[in-house]
């Protein structure tokens, strides 16, 4: 990107100078036009430089905000996950106990059905 901007700027400056030198105007008029052209180009370059610096600053601020939000989000997510696990643990224990009870009942029923009747 830097090389492109440098090449473009060089082309604009050299093209402008060539155009001013090759015109059929008097020297004083060419000097005034060249001065105006250089002033305009300098102003445009300064505007571009300012905008690039503004963009860099905005990207830097955005990066900082994203890092802050990411850190805060992960912390909140870990807290929520820990709370969920704490709340779900008794339920999971009850489900496990009921599953074991059902398994025991199924085993008893299977044993009862498979034993010979007297």
PDB file of N, CA and C in Angstrom:
ATOM      1  N   UNK A   1       0.830  -1.185   0.000  1.00  0.00           N
ATOM      2  CA  UNK A   1       0.000   0.000   0.000  1.00  0.00           C
ATOM      3  C   UNK A   1       0.874   1.248   0.000  1.00  0.00           C
ATOM      4  N   UNK A   2       1.958   1.197   0.780  1.00  0.00           N
ATOM      5  CA  UNK A   2       2.849   2.340   0.886  1.00  0.00           C
ATOM      6  C   UNK A   2       3.499   2.630  -0.471  1.00  0.00           C
ATOM      7  N   UNK A   3       3.913   1.565  -1.156  1.00  0.00           N
ATOM      8  CA  UNK A   3       4.561   1.734  -2.458  1.00  0.00           C
ATOM      9  C   UNK A   3       3.581   2.291  -3.494  1.00  0.00           C
ATOM     10  N   UNK A   4       2.324   1.828  -3.416  1.00  0.00           N
ATOM     11  CA  UNK A   4       1.306   2.319  -4.339  1.00  0.00           C
ATOM     12  C   UNK A   4       1.086   3.819  -4.142  1.00  0.00           C
ATOM     13  N   UNK A   5       0.941   4.246  -2.885  1.00  0.00           N
ATOM     14  CA  UNK A   5       0.725   5.670  -2.608  1.00  0.00           C
ATOM     15  C   UNK A   5       1.934   6.498  -3.028  1.00  0.00           C
ATOM     16  N   UNK A   6       3.117   6.000  -2.764  1.00  0.00           N
ATOM     17  CA  UNK A   6       4.331   6.714  -3.154  1.00  0.00           C
ATOM     18  C   UNK A   6       4.425   6.821  -4.673  1.00  0.00           C
ATOM     19  N   UNK A   7       4.112   5.727  -5.366  1.00  0.00           N
ATOM     20  CA  UNK A   7       4.133   5.742  -6.831  1.00  0.00           C
ATOM     21  C   UNK A   7       3.087   6.679  -7.407  1.00  0.00           C
ATOM     22  N   UNK A   8       1.905   6.659  -6.828  1.00  0.00           N
ATOM     23  CA  UNK A   8       0.837   7.542  -7.299  1.00  0.00           C
ATOM     24  C   UNK A   8       1.209   8.999  -7.087  1.00  0.00           C
ATOM     25  N   UNK A   9       1.720   9.307  -5.916  1.00  0.00           N
ATOM     26  CA  UNK A   9       2.122  10.676  -5.604  1.00  0.00           C
ATOM     27  C   UNK A   9       3.242  11.137  -6.535  1.00  0.00           C
ATOM     28  N   UNK A  10       4.210  10.273  -6.747  1.00  0.00           N
ATOM     29  CA  UNK A  10       5.311  10.624  -7.657  1.00  0.00           C
ATOM     30  C   UNK A  10       4.794  10.871  -9.065  1.00  0.00           C
ATOM     31  N   UNK A  11       3.884  10.025  -9.525  1.00  0.00           N
ATOM     32  CA  UNK A  11       3.307  10.192 -10.863  1.00  0.00           C
ATOM     33  C   UNK A  11       2.546  11.486 -10.999  1.00  0.00           C
ATOM     34  N   UNK A  12       1.784  11.835  -9.981  1.00  0.00           N
ATOM     35  CA  UNK A  12       1.012  13.078 -10.013  1.00  0.00           C
ATOM     36  C   UNK A  12       1.951  14.279 -10.052  1.00  0.00           C
ATOM     37  N   UNK A  13       2.966  14.260  -9.205  1.00  0.00           N
ATOM     38  CA  UNK A  13       3.902  15.388  -9.152  1.00  0.00           C
ATOM     39  C   UNK A  13       4.675  15.508 -10.462  1.00  0.00           C
ATOM     40  N   UNK A  14       5.227  14.425 -10.935  1.00  0.00           N
ATOM     41  CA  UNK A  14       6.010  14.474 -12.175  1.00  0.00           C
ATOM     42  C   UNK A  14       5.139  14.834 -13.380  1.00  0.00           C
ATOM     43  N   UNK A  15       3.934  14.313 -13.429  1.00  0.00           N
ATOM     44  CA  UNK A  15       3.014  14.655 -14.518  1.00  0.00           C
ATOM     45  C   UNK A  15       2.654  16.122 -14.499  1.00  0.00           C
ATOM     46  N   UNK A  16       2.418  16.645 -13.316  1.00  0.00           N
ATOM     47  CA  UNK A  16       2.099  18.070 -13.199  1.00  0.00           C
ATOM     48  C   UNK A  16       3.256  18.946 -13.624  1.00  0.00           C
ATOM     49  N   UNK A  17       4.447  18.593 -13.181  1.00  0.00           N
ATOM     50  CA  UNK A  17       5.632  19.381 -13.555  1.00  0.00           C
ATOM     51  C   UNK A  17       5.849  19.317 -15.075  1.00  0.00           C
ATOM     52  N   UNK A  18       5.729  18.145 -15.637  1.00  0.00           N
ATOM     53  CA  UNK A  18       5.919  17.994 -17.094  1.00  0.00           C
ATOM     54  C   UNK A  18       4.890  18.835 -17.856  1.00  0.00           C
ATOM     55  N   UNK A  19       3.658  18.794 -17.408  1.00  0.00           N
ATOM     56  CA  UNK A  19       2.608  19.581 -18.062  1.00  0.00           C
ATOM     57  C   UNK A  19       2.867  21.065 -17.970  1.00  0.00           C
ATOM     58  N   UNK A  20       3.349  21.518 -16.844  1.00  0.00           N
ATOM     59  CA  UNK A  20       3.629  22.945 -16.685  1.00  0.00           C
ATOM     60  C   UNK A  20       4.836  23.383 -17.515  1.00  0.00           C
ATOM     61  N   UNK A  21       5.830  22.544 -17.584  1.00  0.00           N
ATOM     62  CA  UNK A  21       7.031  22.882 -18.342  1.00  0.00           C
ATOM     63  C   UNK A  21       6.739  22.918 -19.841  1.00  0.00           C
ATOM     64  N   UNK A  22       5.880  22.055 -20.332  1.00  0.00           N
ATOM     65  CA  UNK A  22       5.625  21.928 -21.760  1.00  0.00           C
ATOM     66  C   UNK A  22       4.508  22.864 -22.261  1.00  0.00           C
ATOM     67  N   UNK A  23       3.959  23.691 -21.412  1.00  0.00           N
ATOM     68  CA  UNK A  23       2.883  24.587 -21.845  1.00  0.00           C
ATOM     69  C   UNK A  23       3.463  25.844 -22.500  1.00  0.00           C
ATOM     70  N   UNK A  24       2.681  26.472 -23.383  1.00  0.00           N
ATOM     71  CA  UNK A  24       3.158  27.677 -24.071  1.00  0.00           C
ATOM     72  C   UNK A  24       2.917  28.966 -23.278  1.00  0.00           C
ATOM     73  N   UNK A  25       2.805  28.900 -21.949  1.00  0.00           N
ATOM     74  CA  UNK A  25       2.589  30.087 -21.140  1.00  0.00           C
ATOM     75  C   UNK A  25       3.921  30.726 -20.772  1.00  0.00           C
ATOM     76  N   UNK A  26       3.858  31.990 -20.370  1.00  0.00           N
ATOM     77  CA  UNK A  26       5.084  32.661 -19.916  1.00  0.00           C
ATOM     78  C   UNK A  26       5.586  32.038 -18.611  1.00  0.00           C
ATOM     79  N   UNK A  27       6.849  32.220 -18.310  1.00  0.00           N
ATOM     80  CA  UNK A  27       7.500  31.643 -17.132  1.00  0.00           C
ATOM     81  C   UNK A  27       6.854  32.057 -15.824  1.00  0.00           C
ATOM     82  N   UNK A  28       6.505  33.339 -15.699  1.00  0.00           N
ATOM     83  CA  UNK A  28       5.893  33.826 -14.451  1.00  0.00           C
ATOM     84  C   UNK A  28       4.561  33.126 -14.202  1.00  0.00           C
ATOM     85  N   UNK A  29       3.764  32.973 -15.238  1.00  0.00           N
ATOM     86  CA  UNK A  29       2.465  32.308 -15.118  1.00  0.00           C
ATOM     87  C   UNK A  29       2.666  30.824 -14.775  1.00  0.00           C
ATOM     88  N   UNK A  30       3.660  30.177 -15.392  1.00  0.00           N
ATOM     89  CA  UNK A  30       3.977  28.780 -15.077  1.00  0.00           C
ATOM     90  C   UNK A  30       4.420  28.632 -13.629  1.00  0.00           C
ATOM     91  N   UNK A  31       5.215  29.597 -13.132  1.00  0.00           N
ATOM     92  CA  UNK A  31       5.667  29.552 -11.749  1.00  0.00           C
ATOM     93  C   UNK A  31       4.488  29.659 -10.786  1.00  0.00           C
ATOM     94  N   UNK A  32       3.562  30.542 -11.078  1.00  0.00           N
ATOM     95  CA  UNK A  32       2.378  30.708 -10.224  1.00  0.00           C
ATOM     96  C   UNK A  32       1.513  29.449 -10.258  1.00  0.00           C
ATOM     97  N   UNK A  33       1.345  28.881 -11.450  1.00  0.00           N
ATOM     98  CA  UNK A  33       0.549  27.653 -11.568  1.00  0.00           C
ATOM     99  C   UNK A  33       1.237  26.492 -10.848  1.00  0.00           C
ATOM    100  N   UNK A  34       2.562  26.415 -10.982  1.00  0.00           N
ATOM    101  CA  UNK A  34       3.308  25.355 -10.309  1.00  0.00           C
ATOM    102  C   UNK A  34       3.208  25.507  -8.796  1.00  0.00           C
ATOM    103  N   UNK A  35       3.317  26.732  -8.311  1.00  0.00           N
ATOM    104  CA  UNK A  35       3.203  26.969  -6.878  1.00  0.00           C
ATOM    105  C   UNK A  35       1.811  26.572  -6.385  1.00  0.00           C
ATOM    106  N   UNK A  36       0.772  26.956  -7.129  1.00  0.00           N
ATOM    107  CA  UNK A  36      -0.596  26.596  -6.750  1.00  0.00           C
ATOM    108  C   UNK A  36      -0.775  25.077  -6.781  1.00  0.00           C
ATOM    109  N   UNK A  37      -0.208  24.441  -7.787  1.00  0.00           N
ATOM    110  CA  UNK A  37      -0.308  22.981  -7.920  1.00  0.00           C
ATOM    111  C   UNK A  37       0.393  22.285  -6.755  1.00  0.00           C
ATOM    112  N   UNK A  38       1.577  22.761  -6.412  1.00  0.00           N
ATOM    113  CA  UNK A  38       2.323  22.159  -5.302  1.00  0.00           C
ATOM    114  C   UNK A  38       1.587  22.384  -3.987  1.00  0.00           C
ATOM    115  N   UNK A  39       1.025  23.576  -3.808  1.00  0.00           N
ATOM    116  CA  UNK A  39       0.257  23.841  -2.581  1.00  0.00           C
ATOM    117  C   UNK A  39      -0.952  22.915  -2.485  1.00  0.00           C
ATOM    118  N   UNK A  40      -1.681  22.770  -3.601  1.00  0.00           N
ATOM    119  CA  UNK A  40      -2.847  21.877  -3.605  1.00  0.00           C
ATOM    120  C   UNK A  40      -2.438  20.432  -3.321  1.00  0.00           C
ATOM    121  N   UNK A  41      -1.364  20.001  -3.980  1.00  0.00           N
ATOM    122  CA  UNK A  41      -0.891  18.628  -3.774  1.00  0.00           C
ATOM    123  C   UNK A  41      -0.449  18.415  -2.338  1.00  0.00           C
ATOM    124  N   UNK A  42       0.239  19.396  -1.777  1.00  0.00           N
ATOM    125  CA  UNK A  42       0.673  19.306  -0.379  1.00  0.00           C
ATOM    126  C   UNK A  42      -0.528  19.205   0.549  1.00  0.00           C
ATOM    127  N   UNK A  43      -1.552  19.999   0.278  1.00  0.00           N
ATOM    128  CA  UNK A  43      -2.771  19.940   1.095  1.00  0.00           C
ATOM    129  C   UNK A  43      -3.444  18.572   0.971  1.00  0.00           C
ATOM    130  N   UNK A  44      -3.502  18.046  -0.239  1.00  0.00           N
ATOM    131  CA  UNK A  44      -4.120  16.726  -0.442  1.00  0.00           C
ATOM    132  C   UNK A  44      -3.323  15.629   0.265  1.00  0.00           C
ATOM    133  N   UNK A  45      -2.008  15.706   0.166  1.00  0.00           N
ATOM    134  CA  UNK A  45      -1.162  14.721   0.846  1.00  0.00           C
ATOM    135  C   UNK A  45      -1.358  14.821   2.355  1.00  0.00           C
ATOM    136  N   UNK A  46      -1.438  16.032   2.880  1.00  0.00           N
ATOM    137  CA  UNK A  46      -1.650  16.207   4.322  1.00  0.00           C
ATOM    138  C   UNK A  46      -3.016  15.652   4.731  1.00  0.00           C
ATOM    139  N   UNK A  47      -4.043  15.887   3.897  1.00  0.00           N
ATOM    140  CA  UNK A  47      -5.366  15.330   4.189  1.00  0.00           C
ATOM    141  C   UNK A  47      -5.323  13.810   4.232  1.00  0.00           C
ATOM    142  N   UNK A  48      -4.658  13.205   3.252  1.00  0.00           N
ATOM    143  CA  UNK A  48      -4.556  11.742   3.218  1.00  0.00           C
ATOM    144  C   UNK A  48      -3.792  11.243   4.440  1.00  0.00           C
ATOM    145  N   UNK A  49      -2.713  11.916   4.777  1.00  0.00           N
ATOM    146  CA  UNK A  49      -1.926  11.532   5.952  1.00  0.00           C
ATOM    147  C   UNK A  49      -2.764  11.615   7.218  1.00  0.00           C
ATOM    148  N   UNK A  50      -3.522  12.699   7.356  1.00  0.00           N
ATOM    149  CA  UNK A  50      -4.397  12.850   8.526  1.00  0.00           C
ATOM    150  C   UNK A  50      -5.436  11.742   8.580  1.00  0.00           C
ATOM    151  N   UNK A  51      -6.005  11.416   7.442  1.00  0.00           N
ATOM    152  CA  UNK A  51      -7.043  10.370   7.413  1.00  0.00           C
ATOM    153  C   UNK A  51      -6.451   8.999   7.712  1.00  0.00           C
ATOM    154  N   UNK A  52      -5.251   8.737   7.224  1.00  0.00           N
ATOM    155  CA  UNK A  52      -4.587   7.468   7.535  1.00  0.00           C
ATOM    156  C   UNK A  52      -4.290   7.387   9.030  1.00  0.00           C
ATOM    157  N   UNK A  53      -3.829   8.482   9.609  1.00  0.00           N
ATOM    158  CA  UNK A  53      -3.574   8.493  11.055  1.00  0.00           C
ATOM    159  C   UNK A  53      -4.864   8.305  11.844  1.00  0.00           C
ATOM    160  N   UNK A  54      -5.955   8.940  11.390  1.00  0.00           N
ATOM    161  CA  UNK A  54      -7.253   8.741  12.040  1.00  0.00           C
ATOM    162  C   UNK A  54      -7.686   7.288  11.954  1.00  0.00           C
ATOM    163  N   UNK A  55      -7.466   6.677  10.796  1.00  0.00           N
ATOM    164  CA  UNK A  55      -7.829   5.271  10.612  1.00  0.00           C
ATOM    165  C   UNK A  55      -7.002   4.383  11.537  1.00  0.00           C
ATOM    166  N   UNK A  56      -5.704   4.642  11.629  1.00  0.00           N
ATOM    167  CA  UNK A  56      -4.853   3.865  12.537  1.00  0.00           C
ATOM    168  C   UNK A  56      -5.334   3.991  13.972  1.00  0.00           C
ATOM    169  N   UNK A  57      -5.683   5.204  14.357  1.00  0.00           N
ATOM    170  CA  UNK A  57      -6.166   5.439  15.716  1.00  0.00           C
ATOM    171  C   UNK A  57      -7.481   4.694  15.960  1.00  0.00           C
ATOM    172  N   UNK A  58      -8.373   4.740  14.983  1.00  0.00           N
ATOM    173  CA  UNK A  58      -9.660   4.054  15.122  1.00  0.00           C
ATOM    174  C   UNK A  58      -9.472   2.542  15.214  1.00  0.00           C
ATOM    175  N   UNK A  59      -8.580   2.004  14.405  1.00  0.00           N
ATOM    176  CA  UNK A  59      -8.310   0.562  14.451  1.00  0.00           C
ATOM    177  C   UNK A  59      -7.705   0.192  15.801  1.00  0.00           C
ATOM    178  N   UNK A  60      -6.829   1.021  16.307  1.00  0.00           N
ATOM    179  CA  UNK A  60      -6.220   0.758  17.614  1.00  0.00           C
ATOM    180  C   UNK A  60      -7.280   0.768  18.719  1.00  0.00           C
ATOM    181  N   UNK A  61      -8.168   1.768  18.689  1.00  0.00           N
ATOM    182  CA  UNK A  61      -9.245   1.833  19.694  1.00  0.00           C
ATOM    183  C   UNK A  61     -10.163   0.625  19.577  1.00  0.00           C
ATOM    184  N   UNK A  62     -10.502   0.262  18.345  1.00  0.00           N
ATOM    185  CA  UNK A  62     -11.382  -0.892  18.128  1.00  0.00           C
ATOM    186  C   UNK A  62     -10.732  -2.166  18.653  1.00  0.00           C
ATOM    187  N   UNK A  63      -9.439  -2.331  18.399  1.00  0.00           N
ATOM    188  CA  UNK A  63      -8.726  -3.506  18.888  1.00  0.00           C
ATOM    189  C   UNK A  63      -8.746  -3.549  20.410  1.00  0.00           C
ATOM    190  N   UNK A  64      -8.527  -2.414  21.049  1.00  0.00           N
ATOM    191  CA  UNK A  64      -8.561  -2.362  22.516  1.00  0.00           C
ATOM    192  C   UNK A  64      -9.947  -2.719  23.044  1.00  0.00           C
ATOM    193  N   UNK A  65     -10.971  -2.179  22.414  1.00  0.00           N
ATOM    194  CA  UNK A  65     -12.336  -2.464  22.861  1.00  0.00           C
ATOM    195  C   UNK A  65     -12.685  -3.928  22.668  1.00  0.00           C
ATOM    196  N   UNK A  66     -12.274  -4.498  21.547  1.00  0.00           N
ATOM    197  CA  UNK A  66     -12.554  -5.916  21.296  1.00  0.00           C
ATOM    198  C   UNK A  66     -11.850  -6.781  22.334  1.00  0.00           C
ATOM    199  N   UNK A  67     -10.592  -6.458  22.652  1.00  0.00           N
ATOM    200  CA  UNK A  67      -9.867  -7.222  23.672  1.00  0.00           C
ATOM    201  C   UNK A  67     -10.551  -7.112  25.023  1.00  0.00           C
ATOM    202  N   UNK A  68     -11.014  -5.916  25.367  1.00  0.00           N
ATOM    203  CA  UNK A  68     -11.703  -5.721  26.645  1.00  0.00           C
ATOM    204  C   UNK A  68     -13.004  -6.515  26.678  1.00  0.00           C
ATOM    205  N   UNK A  69     -13.794  -6.402  25.608  1.00  0.00           N
ATOM    206  CA  UNK A  69     -15.079  -7.103  25.563  1.00  0.00           C
ATOM    207  C   UNK A  69     -14.860  -8.613  25.576  1.00  0.00           C
ATOM    208  N   UNK A  70     -13.854  -9.071  24.842  1.00  0.00           N
ATOM    209  CA  UNK A  70     -13.573 -10.500  24.803  1.00  0.00           C
ATOM    210  C   UNK A  70     -13.203 -11.005  26.194  1.00  0.00           C
ATOM    211  N   UNK A  71     -12.341 -10.276  26.886  1.00  0.00           N
ATOM    212  CA  UNK A  71     -11.935 -10.675  28.230  1.00  0.00           C
ATOM    213  C   UNK A  71     -13.133 -10.676  29.172  1.00  0.00           C
ATOM    214  N   UNK A  72     -13.918  -9.612  29.106  1.00  0.00           N
ATOM    215  CA  UNK A  72     -15.098  -9.512  29.972  1.00  0.00           C
ATOM    216  C   UNK A  72     -16.107 -10.612  29.640  1.00  0.00           C
ATOM    217  N   UNK A  73     -16.319 -10.867  28.347  1.00  0.00           N
ATOM    218  CA  UNK A  73     -17.272 -11.894  27.917  1.00  0.00           C
ATOM    219  C   UNK A  73     -16.831 -13.271  28.408  1.00  0.00           C
ATOM    220  N   UNK A  74     -15.554 -13.578  28.260  1.00  0.00           N
ATOM    221  CA  UNK A  74     -15.066 -14.891  28.696  1.00  0.00           C
ATOM    222  C   UNK A  74     -15.217 -15.047  30.205  1.00  0.00           C
ATOM    223  N   UNK A  75     -14.938 -13.995  30.938  1.00  0.00           N
ATOM    224  CA  UNK A  75     -15.090 -14.046  32.389  1.00  0.00           C
ATOM    225  C   UNK A  75     -16.554 -14.288  32.760  1.00  0.00           C
ATOM    226  N   UNK A  76     -17.457 -13.546  32.121  1.00  0.00           N
ATOM    227  CA  UNK A  76     -18.891 -13.732  32.387  1.00  0.00           C
ATOM    228  C   UNK A  76     -19.343 -15.130  31.989  1.00  0.00           C
ATOM    229  N   UNK A  77     -18.858 -15.621  30.867  1.00  0.00           N
ATOM    230  CA  UNK A  77     -19.238 -16.949  30.390  1.00  0.00           C
ATOM    231  C   UNK A  77     -18.767 -18.027  31.363  1.00  0.00           C
ATOM    232  N   UNK A  78     -17.560 -17.894  31.887  1.00  0.00           N
ATOM    233  CA  UNK A  78     -17.054 -18.858  32.858  1.00  0.00           C
ATOM    234  C   UNK A  78     -17.874 -18.817  34.142  1.00  0.00           C
ATOM    235  N   UNK A  79     -18.273 -17.629  34.554  1.00  0.00           N
ATOM    236  CA  UNK A  79     -19.100 -17.491  35.755  1.00  0.00           C
ATOM    237  C   UNK A  79     -20.452 -18.157  35.558  1.00  0.00           C
ATOM    238  N   UNK A  80     -21.069 -17.909  34.416  1.00  0.00           N
ATOM    239  CA  UNK A  80     -22.375 -18.504  34.119  1.00  0.00           C
ATOM    240  C   UNK A  80     -22.259 -20.032  34.051  1.00  0.00           C
ATOM    241  N   UNK A  81     -21.199 -20.520  33.417  1.00  0.00           N
ATOM    242  CA  UNK A  81     -21.010 -21.967  33.306  1.00  0.00           C
ATOM    243  C   UNK A  81     -20.823 -22.589  34.686  1.00  0.00           C
ATOM    244  N   UNK A  82     -20.065 -21.948  35.551  1.00  0.00           N
ATOM    245  CA  UNK A  82     -19.851 -22.468  36.907  1.00  0.00           C
ATOM    246  C   UNK A  82     -21.162 -22.469  37.690  1.00  0.00           C
ATOM    247  N   UNK A  83     -21.942 -21.407  37.570  1.00  0.00           N
ATOM    248  CA  UNK A  83     -23.237 -21.348  38.257  1.00  0.00           C
ATOM    249  C   UNK A  83     -24.179 -22.428  37.739  1.00  0.00           C
ATOM    250  N   UNK A  84     -24.194 -22.624  36.414  1.00  0.00           N
ATOM    251  CA  UNK A  84     -25.047 -23.656  35.826  1.00  0.00           C
ATOM    252  C   UNK A  84     -24.641 -25.034  36.343  1.00  0.00           C
ATOM    253  N   UNK A  85     -23.353 -25.301  36.379  1.00  0.00           N
ATOM    254  CA  UNK A  85     -22.871 -26.594  36.851  1.00  0.00           C
ATOM    255  C   UNK A  85     -23.258 -26.795  38.316  1.00  0.00           C
ATOM    256  N   UNK A  86     -23.128 -25.738  39.106  1.00  0.00           N
ATOM    257  CA  UNK A  86     -23.476 -25.825  40.529  1.00  0.00           C
ATOM    258  C   UNK A  86     -24.974 -26.091  40.700  1.00  0.00           C
ATOM    259  N   UNK A  87     -25.790 -25.414  39.885  1.00  0.00           N
ATOM    260  CA  UNK A  87     -27.234 -25.609  39.979  1.00  0.00           C
ATOM    261  C   UNK A  87     -27.657 -26.970  39.425  1.00  0.00           C
ATOM    262  N   UNK A  88     -26.982 -27.455  38.412  1.00  0.00           N
ATOM    263  CA  UNK A  88     -27.373 -28.701  37.756  1.00  0.00           C
ATOM    264  C   UNK A  88     -26.882 -29.933  38.513  1.00  0.00           C
ATOM    265  N   UNK A  89     -25.872 -29.776  39.347  1.00  0.00           N
ATOM    266  CA  UNK A  89     -25.282 -30.931  40.027  1.00  0.00           C
ATOM    267  C   UNK A  89     -26.301 -31.723  40.863  1.00  0.00           C
ATOM    268  N   UNK A  90     -27.126 -31.094  41.703  1.00  0.00           N
ATOM    269  CA  UNK A  90     -28.115 -31.879  42.462  1.00  0.00           C
ATOM    270  C   UNK A  90     -29.114 -32.590  41.539  1.00  0.00           C
ATOM    271  N   UNK A  91     -29.514 -31.921  40.485  1.00  0.00           N
ATOM    272  CA  UNK A  91     -30.450 -32.552  39.538  1.00  0.00           C
ATOM    273  C   UNK A  91     -29.808 -33.765  38.886  1.00  0.00           C
ATOM    274  N   UNK A  92     -28.556 -33.620  38.485  1.00  0.00           N
ATOM    275  CA  UNK A  92     -27.851 -34.729  37.846  1.00  0.00           C
ATOM    276  C   UNK A  92     -27.706 -35.896  38.821  1.00  0.00           C
ATOM    277  N   UNK A  93     -27.450 -35.589  40.096  1.00  0.00           N
ATOM    278  CA  UNK A  93     -27.338 -36.644  41.107  1.00  0.00           C
ATOM    279  C   UNK A  93     -28.670 -37.374  41.271  1.00  0.00           C
ATOM    280  N   UNK A  94     -29.782 -36.616  41.306  1.00  0.00           N
ATOM    281  CA  UNK A  94     -31.100 -37.244  41.432  1.00  0.00           C
ATOM    282  C   UNK A  94     -31.406 -38.093  40.204  1.00  0.00           C
ATOM    283  N   UNK A  95     -31.072 -37.612  39.037  1.00  0.00           N
ATOM    284  CA  UNK A  95     -31.296 -38.388  37.806  1.00  0.00           C
ATOM    285  C   UNK A  95     -30.483 -39.675  37.848  1.00  0.00           C
ATOM    286  N   UNK A  96     -29.235 -39.576  38.295  1.00  0.00           N
ATOM    287  CA  UNK A  96     -28.383 -40.767  38.394  1.00  0.00           C
ATOM    288  C   UNK A  96     -28.969 -41.763  39.386  1.00  0.00           C
ATOM    289  N   UNK A  97     -29.437 -41.269  40.537  1.00  0.00           N
ATOM    290  CA  UNK A  97     -30.036 -42.157  41.538  1.00  0.00           C
ATOM    291  C   UNK A  97     -31.276 -42.842  40.983  1.00  0.00           C
ATOM    292  N   UNK A  98     -32.114 -42.094  40.269  1.00  0.00           N
ATOM    293  CA  UNK A  98     -33.326 -42.690  39.696  1.00  0.00           C
ATOM    294  C   UNK A  98     -32.977 -43.700  38.611  1.00  0.00           C
ATOM    295  N   UNK A  99     -31.952 -43.404  37.826  1.00  0.00           N
ATOM    296  CA  UNK A  99     -31.531 -44.350  36.791  1.00  0.00           C
ATOM    297  C   UNK A  99     -31.019 -45.638  37.425  1.00  0.00           C
ATOM    298  N   UNK A 100     -30.263 -45.509  38.521  1.00  0.00           N
ATOM    299  CA  UNK A 100     -29.776 -46.696  39.227  1.00  0.00           C
ATOM    300  C   UNK A 100     -30.943 -47.479  39.820  1.00  0.00           C
ATOM    301  N   UNK A 101     -31.931 -46.778  40.369  1.00  0.00           N
ATOM    302  CA  UNK A 101     -33.106 -47.440  40.950  1.00  0.00           C
ATOM    303  C   UNK A 101     -33.880 -48.189  39.862  1.00  0.00           C
ATOM    304  N   UNK A 102     -34.042 -47.534  38.695  1.00  0.00           N
ATOM    305  CA  UNK A 102     -34.739 -48.196  37.581  1.00  0.00           C
ATOM    306  C   UNK A 102     -33.954 -49.422  37.144  1.00  0.00           C
ATOM    307  N   UNK A 103     -32.630 -49.294  37.070  1.00  0.00           N
ATOM    308  CA  UNK A 103     -31.790 -50.429  36.677  1.00  0.00           C
ATOM    309  C   UNK A 103     -31.945 -51.569  37.669  1.00  0.00           C
ATOM    310  N   UNK A 104     -31.992 -51.256  38.950  1.00  0.00           N
ATOM    311  CA  UNK A 104     -32.170 -52.283  39.988  1.00  0.00           C
ATOM    312  C   UNK A 104     -33.529 -52.957  39.830  1.00  0.00           C
ATOM    313  N   UNK A 105     -34.574 -52.164  39.607  1.00  0.00           N
ATOM    314  CA  UNK A 105     -35.927 -52.721  39.441  1.00  0.00           C
ATOM    315  C   UNK A 105     -36.005 -53.608  38.201  1.00  0.00           C
ATOM    316  N   UNK A 106     -35.368 -53.169  37.124  1.00  0.00           N
ATOM    317  CA  UNK A 106     -35.356 -53.972  35.893  1.00  0.00           C
ATOM    318  C   UNK A 106     -34.636 -55.295  36.148  1.00  0.00           C
ATOM    319  N   UNK A 107     -33.523 -55.233  36.876  1.00  0.00           N
ATOM    320  CA  UNK A 107     -32.773 -56.458  37.184  1.00  0.00           C
ATOM    321  C   UNK A 107     -33.614 -57.390  38.043  1.00  0.00           C
ATOM    322  N   UNK A 108     -34.317 -56.845  39.050  1.00  0.00           N
ATOM    323  CA  UNK A 108     -35.169 -57.671  39.912  1.00  0.00           C
ATOM    324  C   UNK A 108     -36.281 -58.313  39.096  1.00  0.00           C
ATOM    325  N   UNK A 109     -36.878 -57.522  38.210  1.00  0.00           N
ATOM    326  CA  UNK A 109     -37.961 -58.039  37.376  1.00  0.00           C
ATOM    327  C   UNK A 109     -37.435 -59.129  36.450  1.00  0.00           C
ATOM    328  N   UNK A 110     -36.281 -58.918  35.892  1.00  0.00           N
ATOM    329  CA  UNK A 110     -35.674 -59.914  35.013  1.00  0.00           C
ATOM    330  C   UNK A 110     -35.378 -61.191  35.781  1.00  0.00           C
ATOM    331  N   UNK A 111     -34.848 -61.045  37.000  1.00  0.00           N
ATOM    332  CA  UNK A 111     -34.566 -62.221  37.830  1.00  0.00           C
ATOM    333  C   UNK A 111     -35.840 -62.955  38.196  1.00  0.00           C
ATOM    334  N   UNK A 112     -36.893 -62.217  38.502  1.00  0.00           N
ATOM    335  CA  UNK A 112     -38.163 -62.807  38.872  1.00  0.00           C
ATOM    336  C   UNK A 112     -38.765 -63.577  37.706  1.00  0.00           C
ATOM    337  N   UNK A 113     -38.710 -62.992  36.533  1.00  0.00           N
ATOM    338  CA  UNK A 113     -39.281 -63.637  35.355  1.00  0.00           C
ATOM    339  C   UNK A 113     -38.455 -64.843  34.910  1.00  0.00           C
ATOM    340  N   UNK A 114     -37.184 -64.803  35.131  1.00  0.00           N
ATOM    341  CA  UNK A 114     -36.350 -65.908  34.659  1.00  0.00           C
ATOM    342  C   UNK A 114     -36.251 -67.036  35.691  1.00  0.00           C
ATOM    343  N   UNK A 115     -36.656 -66.818  36.927  1.00  0.00           N
ATOM    344  CA  UNK A 115     -36.592 -67.895  37.920  1.00  0.00           C
ATOM    345  C   UNK A 115     -37.822 -68.802  37.743  1.00  0.00           C
ATOM    346  N   UNK A 116     -37.603 -70.132  37.977  1.00  0.00           N
ATOM    347  CA  UNK A 116     -38.714 -71.065  37.810  1.00  0.00           C
ATOM    348  C   UNK A 116     -39.786 -70.825  38.881  1.00  0.00           C
ATOM    349  N   UNK A 117     -40.988 -70.940  38.460  1.00  0.00           N
ATOM    350  CA  UNK A 117     -42.091 -70.775  39.411  1.00  0.00           C
ATOM    351  C   UNK A 117     -42.282 -72.044  40.205  1.00  0.00           C
ATOM    352  N   UNK A 118     -42.599 -71.894  41.408  1.00  0.00           N
ATOM    353  CA  UNK A 118     -42.720 -73.051  42.261  1.00  0.00           C
ATOM    354  C   UNK A 118     -44.091 -73.590  42.329  1.00  0.00           C
TER     355      UNK A 118
END
